Amino acid sequence: MARVHLLAVLVSSASALQPVLRFRDPKTRGDVVLVGCMHYNPASIALASSIVREEASKKRLRACVVESCPTRWNSTLAMQPQGSLYRALFDNEMQAAAEVAEEYGCMVKVPSLAVPELGFCASLGRAWRL
């Protein structure tokens, strides 16, 4: 009986350990869901896809924001499109989540600054605009 109780505790705690942060943006009052990922990790790919699918299926997804700059994002899309060998070898959470968002007709946004500019803005304490 103790094992059943322990299993129930572990199962309920596992969802609390997922790197998902939900909050309301104070400026826009919109709901935001941040998904923490380890790049190219199969568990992160599955988590990012499932969160986007969950939000979209409930009609709560307005956009999927990808952690990349336009140059890097466009290069990734060109080098490893869906179904390609490169994509099979280097699947990633950003493309997986973006593709789910597009399946549901939601926009995919990429920060408008290049990565070096993002670093500079972050060092000044400023956020980027989408």
N, C-alpha and C. Protein backbone atom coordinates (compact mmCIF):
# COMPACT_ATOMS: atom_id res chain seq x y z
N MET A 1 0.81 -1.19 0.00
CA MET A 1 0.00 0.00 0.00
C MET A 1 0.87 1.26 0.00
N ALA A 2 1.97 1.21 0.71
CA ALA A 2 2.86 2.37 0.73
C ALA A 2 3.41 2.65 -0.66
N ARG A 3 3.64 1.62 -1.45
CA ARG A 3 4.16 1.81 -2.81
C ARG A 3 3.16 2.56 -3.68
N VAL A 4 1.90 2.25 -3.56
CA VAL A 4 0.87 2.93 -4.34
C VAL A 4 0.85 4.40 -3.97
N HIS A 5 0.91 4.68 -2.68
CA HIS A 5 0.92 6.07 -2.22
C HIS A 5 2.15 6.81 -2.75
N LEU A 6 3.30 6.17 -2.68
CA LEU A 6 4.54 6.78 -3.16
C LEU A 6 4.46 7.03 -4.66
N LEU A 7 3.94 6.08 -5.40
CA LEU A 7 3.79 6.24 -6.84
C LEU A 7 2.88 7.42 -7.15
N ALA A 8 1.79 7.54 -6.42
CA ALA A 8 0.85 8.65 -6.64
C ALA A 8 1.55 9.98 -6.37
N VAL A 9 2.36 10.05 -5.35
CA VAL A 9 3.09 11.27 -5.03
C VAL A 9 4.10 11.59 -6.13
N LEU A 10 4.81 10.57 -6.60
CA LEU A 10 5.79 10.80 -7.66
C LEU A 10 5.13 11.24 -8.96
N VAL A 11 4.01 10.64 -9.28
CA VAL A 11 3.31 11.02 -10.52
C VAL A 11 2.79 12.44 -10.41
N SER A 12 2.20 12.81 -9.28
CA SER A 12 1.68 14.16 -9.16
C SER A 12 2.81 15.19 -9.07
N SER A 13 3.95 14.81 -8.54
CA SER A 13 5.08 15.73 -8.45
C SER A 13 5.76 15.91 -9.80
N ALA A 14 5.69 14.90 -10.66
CA ALA A 14 6.38 14.96 -11.94
C ALA A 14 5.89 16.14 -12.77
N SER A 15 4.58 16.41 -12.75
CA SER A 15 4.06 17.53 -13.53
C SER A 15 4.55 18.86 -12.97
N ALA A 16 4.79 18.91 -11.66
CA ALA A 16 5.28 20.14 -11.05
C ALA A 16 6.73 20.41 -11.44
N LEU A 17 7.44 19.38 -11.88
CA LEU A 17 8.84 19.55 -12.26
C LEU A 17 9.02 19.98 -13.71
N GLN A 18 7.94 19.99 -14.49
CA GLN A 18 8.07 20.41 -15.87
C GLN A 18 8.46 21.89 -15.92
N PRO A 19 9.35 22.23 -16.83
CA PRO A 19 9.81 23.63 -16.92
C PRO A 19 8.83 24.51 -17.69
N VAL A 20 7.61 24.64 -17.16
CA VAL A 20 6.58 25.44 -17.81
C VAL A 20 6.14 26.52 -16.83
N LEU A 21 6.22 27.76 -17.26
CA LEU A 21 5.83 28.89 -16.42
C LEU A 21 4.66 29.60 -17.07
N ARG A 22 3.57 29.72 -16.34
CA ARG A 22 2.37 30.40 -16.84
C ARG A 22 2.16 31.67 -16.02
N PHE A 23 1.94 32.78 -16.71
CA PHE A 23 1.69 34.04 -16.01
C PHE A 23 0.91 34.99 -16.92
N ARG A 24 0.43 36.08 -16.35
CA ARG A 24 -0.29 37.09 -17.10
C ARG A 24 0.64 38.30 -17.28
N ASP A 25 0.79 38.73 -18.53
CA ASP A 25 1.62 39.91 -18.81
C ASP A 25 0.92 41.14 -18.25
N PRO A 26 1.59 41.89 -17.36
CA PRO A 26 0.93 43.03 -16.73
C PRO A 26 0.58 44.15 -17.71
N LYS A 27 1.33 44.29 -18.78
CA LYS A 27 1.07 45.37 -19.73
C LYS A 27 -0.10 45.04 -20.66
N THR A 28 -0.07 43.86 -21.27
CA THR A 28 -1.11 43.50 -22.23
C THR A 28 -2.26 42.74 -21.58
N ARG A 29 -2.04 42.23 -20.36
CA ARG A 29 -3.00 41.41 -19.63
C ARG A 29 -3.29 40.09 -20.36
N GLY A 30 -2.38 39.72 -21.27
CA GLY A 30 -2.50 38.45 -21.98
C GLY A 30 -1.81 37.35 -21.22
N ASP A 31 -2.33 36.14 -21.37
CA ASP A 31 -1.70 34.98 -20.74
C ASP A 31 -0.46 34.59 -21.53
N VAL A 32 0.61 34.26 -20.82
CA VAL A 32 1.87 33.87 -21.42
C VAL A 32 2.27 32.51 -20.85
N VAL A 33 2.76 31.64 -21.72
CA VAL A 33 3.27 30.34 -21.29
C VAL A 33 4.70 30.23 -21.79
N LEU A 34 5.65 30.13 -20.88
CA LEU A 34 7.05 29.94 -21.24
C LEU A 34 7.40 28.48 -21.03
N VAL A 35 8.07 27.90 -22.02
CA VAL A 35 8.48 26.51 -21.93
C VAL A 35 10.00 26.47 -21.94
N GLY A 36 10.58 26.03 -20.83
CA GLY A 36 12.03 25.91 -20.75
C GLY A 36 12.47 24.64 -21.47
N CYS A 37 13.46 24.77 -22.33
CA CYS A 37 13.90 23.63 -23.15
C CYS A 37 15.41 23.50 -23.16
N MET A 38 15.85 22.28 -23.37
CA MET A 38 17.25 22.02 -23.66
C MET A 38 17.28 21.77 -25.17
N HIS A 39 18.00 22.60 -25.88
CA HIS A 39 18.00 22.52 -27.34
C HIS A 39 18.33 21.11 -27.84
N TYR A 40 17.55 20.67 -28.82
CA TYR A 40 17.72 19.39 -29.52
C TYR A 40 17.45 18.17 -28.64
N ASN A 41 16.88 18.36 -27.47
CA ASN A 41 16.60 17.25 -26.56
C ASN A 41 15.21 16.68 -26.88
N PRO A 42 15.09 15.37 -27.10
CA PRO A 42 13.79 14.78 -27.46
C PRO A 42 12.68 15.08 -26.44
N ALA A 43 13.00 15.10 -25.16
CA ALA A 43 11.99 15.41 -24.15
C ALA A 43 11.52 16.86 -24.28
N SER A 44 12.44 17.76 -24.57
CA SER A 44 12.09 19.17 -24.76
C SER A 44 11.26 19.36 -26.03
N ILE A 45 11.61 18.63 -27.07
CA ILE A 45 10.85 18.70 -28.33
C ILE A 45 9.41 18.26 -28.08
N ALA A 46 9.25 17.15 -27.37
CA ALA A 46 7.91 16.64 -27.07
C ALA A 46 7.14 17.61 -26.17
N LEU A 47 7.80 18.17 -25.17
CA LEU A 47 7.15 19.09 -24.25
C LEU A 47 6.70 20.36 -24.98
N ALA A 48 7.59 20.96 -25.76
CA ALA A 48 7.24 22.19 -26.48
C ALA A 48 6.07 21.94 -27.42
N SER A 49 6.11 20.85 -28.16
CA SER A 49 5.02 20.51 -29.09
C SER A 49 3.71 20.30 -28.35
N SER A 50 3.78 19.57 -27.24
CA SER A 50 2.54 19.26 -26.52
C SER A 50 1.92 20.49 -25.89
N ILE A 51 2.73 21.40 -25.37
CA ILE A 51 2.20 22.63 -24.76
C ILE A 51 1.54 23.49 -25.83
N VAL A 52 2.21 23.64 -26.98
CA VAL A 52 1.63 24.44 -28.06
C VAL A 52 0.33 23.80 -28.53
N ARG A 53 0.32 22.48 -28.70
CA ARG A 53 -0.89 21.77 -29.14
C ARG A 53 -2.02 21.93 -28.12
N GLU A 54 -1.69 21.81 -26.84
CA GLU A 54 -2.68 21.96 -25.78
C GLU A 54 -3.32 23.35 -25.81
N GLU A 55 -2.49 24.37 -25.87
CA GLU A 55 -3.00 25.74 -25.89
C GLU A 55 -3.81 26.03 -27.15
N ALA A 56 -3.32 25.55 -28.29
CA ALA A 56 -4.01 25.79 -29.56
C ALA A 56 -5.34 25.06 -29.62
N SER A 57 -5.37 23.82 -29.14
CA SER A 57 -6.61 23.04 -29.19
C SER A 57 -7.69 23.66 -28.31
N LYS A 58 -7.29 24.42 -27.29
CA LYS A 58 -8.24 25.10 -26.42
C LYS A 58 -8.51 26.53 -26.88
N LYS A 59 -8.01 26.86 -28.08
CA LYS A 59 -8.19 28.18 -28.68
C LYS A 59 -7.60 29.30 -27.83
N ARG A 60 -6.49 28.99 -27.13
CA ARG A 60 -5.83 29.99 -26.29
C ARG A 60 -4.52 30.47 -26.88
N LEU A 61 -4.10 29.91 -28.01
CA LEU A 61 -2.80 30.27 -28.59
C LEU A 61 -2.98 31.40 -29.60
N ARG A 62 -2.31 32.51 -29.37
CA ARG A 62 -2.34 33.63 -30.33
C ARG A 62 -1.08 33.65 -31.17
N ALA A 63 0.04 33.23 -30.59
CA ALA A 63 1.31 33.22 -31.32
C ALA A 63 2.28 32.29 -30.62
N CYS A 64 3.22 31.78 -31.40
CA CYS A 64 4.32 30.97 -30.87
C CYS A 64 5.58 31.79 -31.11
N VAL A 65 6.24 32.20 -30.05
CA VAL A 65 7.45 33.01 -30.17
C VAL A 65 8.66 32.09 -30.05
N VAL A 66 9.51 32.14 -31.04
CA VAL A 66 10.67 31.25 -31.13
C VAL A 66 11.91 31.97 -30.63
N GLU A 67 12.71 31.27 -29.83
CA GLU A 67 13.95 31.84 -29.30
C GLU A 67 15.05 31.74 -30.36
N SER A 68 15.06 32.70 -31.24
CA SER A 68 16.05 32.75 -32.30
C SER A 68 16.03 34.15 -32.89
N CYS A 69 17.01 34.47 -33.68
CA CYS A 69 16.97 35.74 -34.41
C CYS A 69 16.53 35.42 -35.84
N PRO A 70 16.06 36.42 -36.58
CA PRO A 70 15.57 36.14 -37.94
C PRO A 70 16.60 35.45 -38.83
N THR A 71 17.85 35.84 -38.76
CA THR A 71 18.89 35.24 -39.60
C THR A 71 19.07 33.77 -39.27
N ARG A 72 19.19 33.46 -38.00
CA ARG A 72 19.40 32.07 -37.58
C ARG A 72 18.15 31.23 -37.86
N TRP A 73 16.98 31.78 -37.61
CA TRP A 73 15.74 31.05 -37.84
C TRP A 73 15.56 30.71 -39.32
N ASN A 74 15.75 31.70 -40.19
CA ASN A 74 15.61 31.46 -41.63
C ASN A 74 16.64 30.45 -42.13
N SER A 75 17.84 30.51 -41.59
CA SER A 75 18.88 29.57 -41.97
C SER A 75 18.50 28.15 -41.53
N THR A 76 17.97 28.02 -40.32
CA THR A 76 17.54 26.72 -39.82
C THR A 76 16.43 26.14 -40.69
N LEU A 77 15.45 26.97 -41.01
CA LEU A 77 14.33 26.50 -41.85
C LEU A 77 14.82 26.07 -43.23
N ALA A 78 15.79 26.79 -43.78
CA ALA A 78 16.31 26.45 -45.11
C ALA A 78 17.17 25.19 -45.08
N MET A 79 17.97 25.03 -44.03
CA MET A 79 18.89 23.89 -43.97
C MET A 79 18.24 22.59 -43.53
N GLN A 80 17.20 22.68 -42.71
CA GLN A 80 16.60 21.45 -42.20
C GLN A 80 15.07 21.53 -42.21
N PRO A 81 14.48 21.59 -43.41
CA PRO A 81 13.02 21.62 -43.48
C PRO A 81 12.41 20.31 -43.00
N GLN A 82 11.14 20.37 -42.67
CA GLN A 82 10.43 19.18 -42.21
C GLN A 82 10.56 18.06 -43.24
N GLY A 83 10.91 16.86 -42.77
CA GLY A 83 11.06 15.71 -43.64
C GLY A 83 12.45 15.50 -44.21
N SER A 84 13.36 16.44 -43.98
CA SER A 84 14.72 16.31 -44.52
C SER A 84 15.60 15.45 -43.61
N LEU A 85 16.72 14.98 -44.16
CA LEU A 85 17.67 14.20 -43.38
C LEU A 85 18.24 15.04 -42.23
N TYR A 86 18.61 16.28 -42.52
CA TYR A 86 19.14 17.16 -41.47
C TYR A 86 18.13 17.32 -40.34
N ARG A 87 16.87 17.44 -40.70
CA ARG A 87 15.84 17.61 -39.66
C ARG A 87 15.72 16.35 -38.82
N ALA A 88 15.82 15.20 -39.45
CA ALA A 88 15.76 13.94 -38.72
C ALA A 88 16.93 13.83 -37.75
N LEU A 89 18.10 14.30 -38.17
CA LEU A 89 19.29 14.23 -37.33
C LEU A 89 19.32 15.32 -36.27
N PHE A 90 18.81 16.50 -36.62
CA PHE A 90 18.92 17.67 -35.74
C PHE A 90 17.55 18.27 -35.44
N ASP A 91 16.58 17.41 -35.10
CA ASP A 91 15.26 17.92 -34.77
C ASP A 91 15.39 18.86 -33.58
N ASN A 92 14.52 19.82 -33.50
CA ASN A 92 14.63 20.80 -32.42
C ASN A 92 13.25 21.27 -31.98
N GLU A 93 13.21 21.75 -30.74
CA GLU A 93 11.95 22.17 -30.13
C GLU A 93 11.35 23.40 -30.79
N MET A 94 12.19 24.25 -31.35
CA MET A 94 11.67 25.48 -31.96
C MET A 94 10.86 25.17 -33.21
N GLN A 95 11.42 24.37 -34.12
CA GLN A 95 10.69 24.01 -35.33
C GLN A 95 9.48 23.16 -35.01
N ALA A 96 9.62 22.24 -34.08
CA ALA A 96 8.50 21.36 -33.71
C ALA A 96 7.33 22.18 -33.18
N ALA A 97 7.60 23.12 -32.29
CA ALA A 97 6.53 23.96 -31.73
C ALA A 97 5.94 24.88 -32.80
N ALA A 98 6.79 25.44 -33.64
CA ALA A 98 6.32 26.34 -34.70
C ALA A 98 5.41 25.60 -35.67
N GLU A 99 5.76 24.39 -36.01
CA GLU A 99 4.94 23.60 -36.94
C GLU A 99 3.57 23.28 -36.35
N VAL A 100 3.52 23.01 -35.06
CA VAL A 100 2.23 22.75 -34.42
C VAL A 100 1.39 24.03 -34.45
N ALA A 101 2.01 25.16 -34.13
CA ALA A 101 1.29 26.44 -34.16
C ALA A 101 0.73 26.70 -35.56
N GLU A 102 1.54 26.45 -36.58
CA GLU A 102 1.08 26.67 -37.95
C GLU A 102 -0.05 25.72 -38.33
N GLU A 103 -0.02 24.48 -37.81
CA GLU A 103 -1.12 23.53 -38.05
C GLU A 103 -2.45 24.11 -37.60
N TYR A 104 -2.42 24.86 -36.52
CA TYR A 104 -3.63 25.45 -35.95
C TYR A 104 -3.89 26.86 -36.49
N GLY A 105 -3.09 27.30 -37.45
CA GLY A 105 -3.30 28.62 -38.05
C GLY A 105 -2.84 29.77 -37.18
N CYS A 106 -1.96 29.50 -36.22
CA CYS A 106 -1.43 30.55 -35.36
C CYS A 106 -0.11 31.07 -35.92
N MET A 107 0.16 32.33 -35.67
CA MET A 107 1.39 32.91 -36.21
C MET A 107 2.60 32.47 -35.40
N VAL A 108 3.72 32.44 -36.09
CA VAL A 108 5.01 32.16 -35.47
C VAL A 108 5.80 33.46 -35.52
N LYS A 109 6.28 33.91 -34.37
CA LYS A 109 7.02 35.16 -34.29
C LYS A 109 8.46 34.88 -33.88
N VAL A 110 9.35 35.69 -34.42
CA VAL A 110 10.77 35.62 -34.09
C VAL A 110 11.16 37.03 -33.63
N PRO A 111 11.93 37.16 -32.55
CA PRO A 111 12.35 38.51 -32.14
C PRO A 111 12.96 39.26 -33.31
N SER A 112 12.72 40.56 -33.34
CA SER A 112 13.15 41.35 -34.50
C SER A 112 14.62 41.75 -34.46
N LEU A 113 15.33 41.43 -33.40
CA LEU A 113 16.75 41.78 -33.31
C LEU A 113 17.63 40.57 -33.58
N ALA A 114 18.80 40.81 -34.12
CA ALA A 114 19.78 39.74 -34.30
C ALA A 114 20.36 39.37 -32.94
N VAL A 115 20.91 38.19 -32.84
CA VAL A 115 21.44 37.69 -31.57
C VAL A 115 22.45 38.64 -30.92
N PRO A 116 23.43 39.20 -31.65
CA PRO A 116 24.35 40.13 -30.98
C PRO A 116 23.63 41.34 -30.39
N GLU A 117 22.59 41.83 -31.07
CA GLU A 117 21.83 42.96 -30.55
C GLU A 117 21.04 42.55 -29.31
N LEU A 118 20.51 41.32 -29.31
CA LEU A 118 19.77 40.83 -28.15
C LEU A 118 20.67 40.82 -26.92
N GLY A 119 21.88 40.35 -27.09
CA GLY A 119 22.82 40.32 -25.98
C GLY A 119 23.11 41.71 -25.44
N PHE A 120 23.26 42.67 -26.35
CA PHE A 120 23.52 44.04 -25.95
C PHE A 120 22.32 44.61 -25.20
N CYS A 121 21.11 44.39 -25.72
CA CYS A 121 19.91 44.90 -25.06
C CYS A 121 19.72 44.25 -23.70
N ALA A 122 20.01 42.96 -23.61
CA ALA A 122 19.86 42.26 -22.34
C ALA A 122 20.83 42.83 -21.31
N SER A 123 22.04 43.20 -21.77
CA SER A 123 23.00 43.76 -20.84
C SER A 123 22.56 45.12 -20.33
N LEU A 124 21.70 45.80 -21.10
CA LEU A 124 21.16 47.08 -20.66
C LEU A 124 19.84 46.93 -19.90
N GLY A 125 19.37 45.69 -19.81
CA GLY A 125 18.13 45.44 -19.10
C GLY A 125 16.88 45.73 -19.92
N ARG A 126 17.00 45.75 -21.24
CA ARG A 126 15.84 46.02 -22.11
C ARG A 126 15.38 44.74 -22.76
N ALA A 127 14.11 44.63 -22.97
CA ALA A 127 13.54 43.46 -23.67
C ALA A 127 13.43 43.80 -25.16
N TRP A 128 13.33 42.79 -25.98
CA TRP A 128 13.17 43.02 -27.42
C TRP A 128 11.70 43.14 -27.77
N ARG A 129 11.43 43.80 -28.88
CA ARG A 129 10.06 43.95 -29.38
C ARG A 129 9.79 42.92 -30.43
N LEU A 130 8.59 42.39 -30.46
CA LEU A 130 8.20 41.43 -31.48
C LEU A 130 7.48 42.13 -32.60
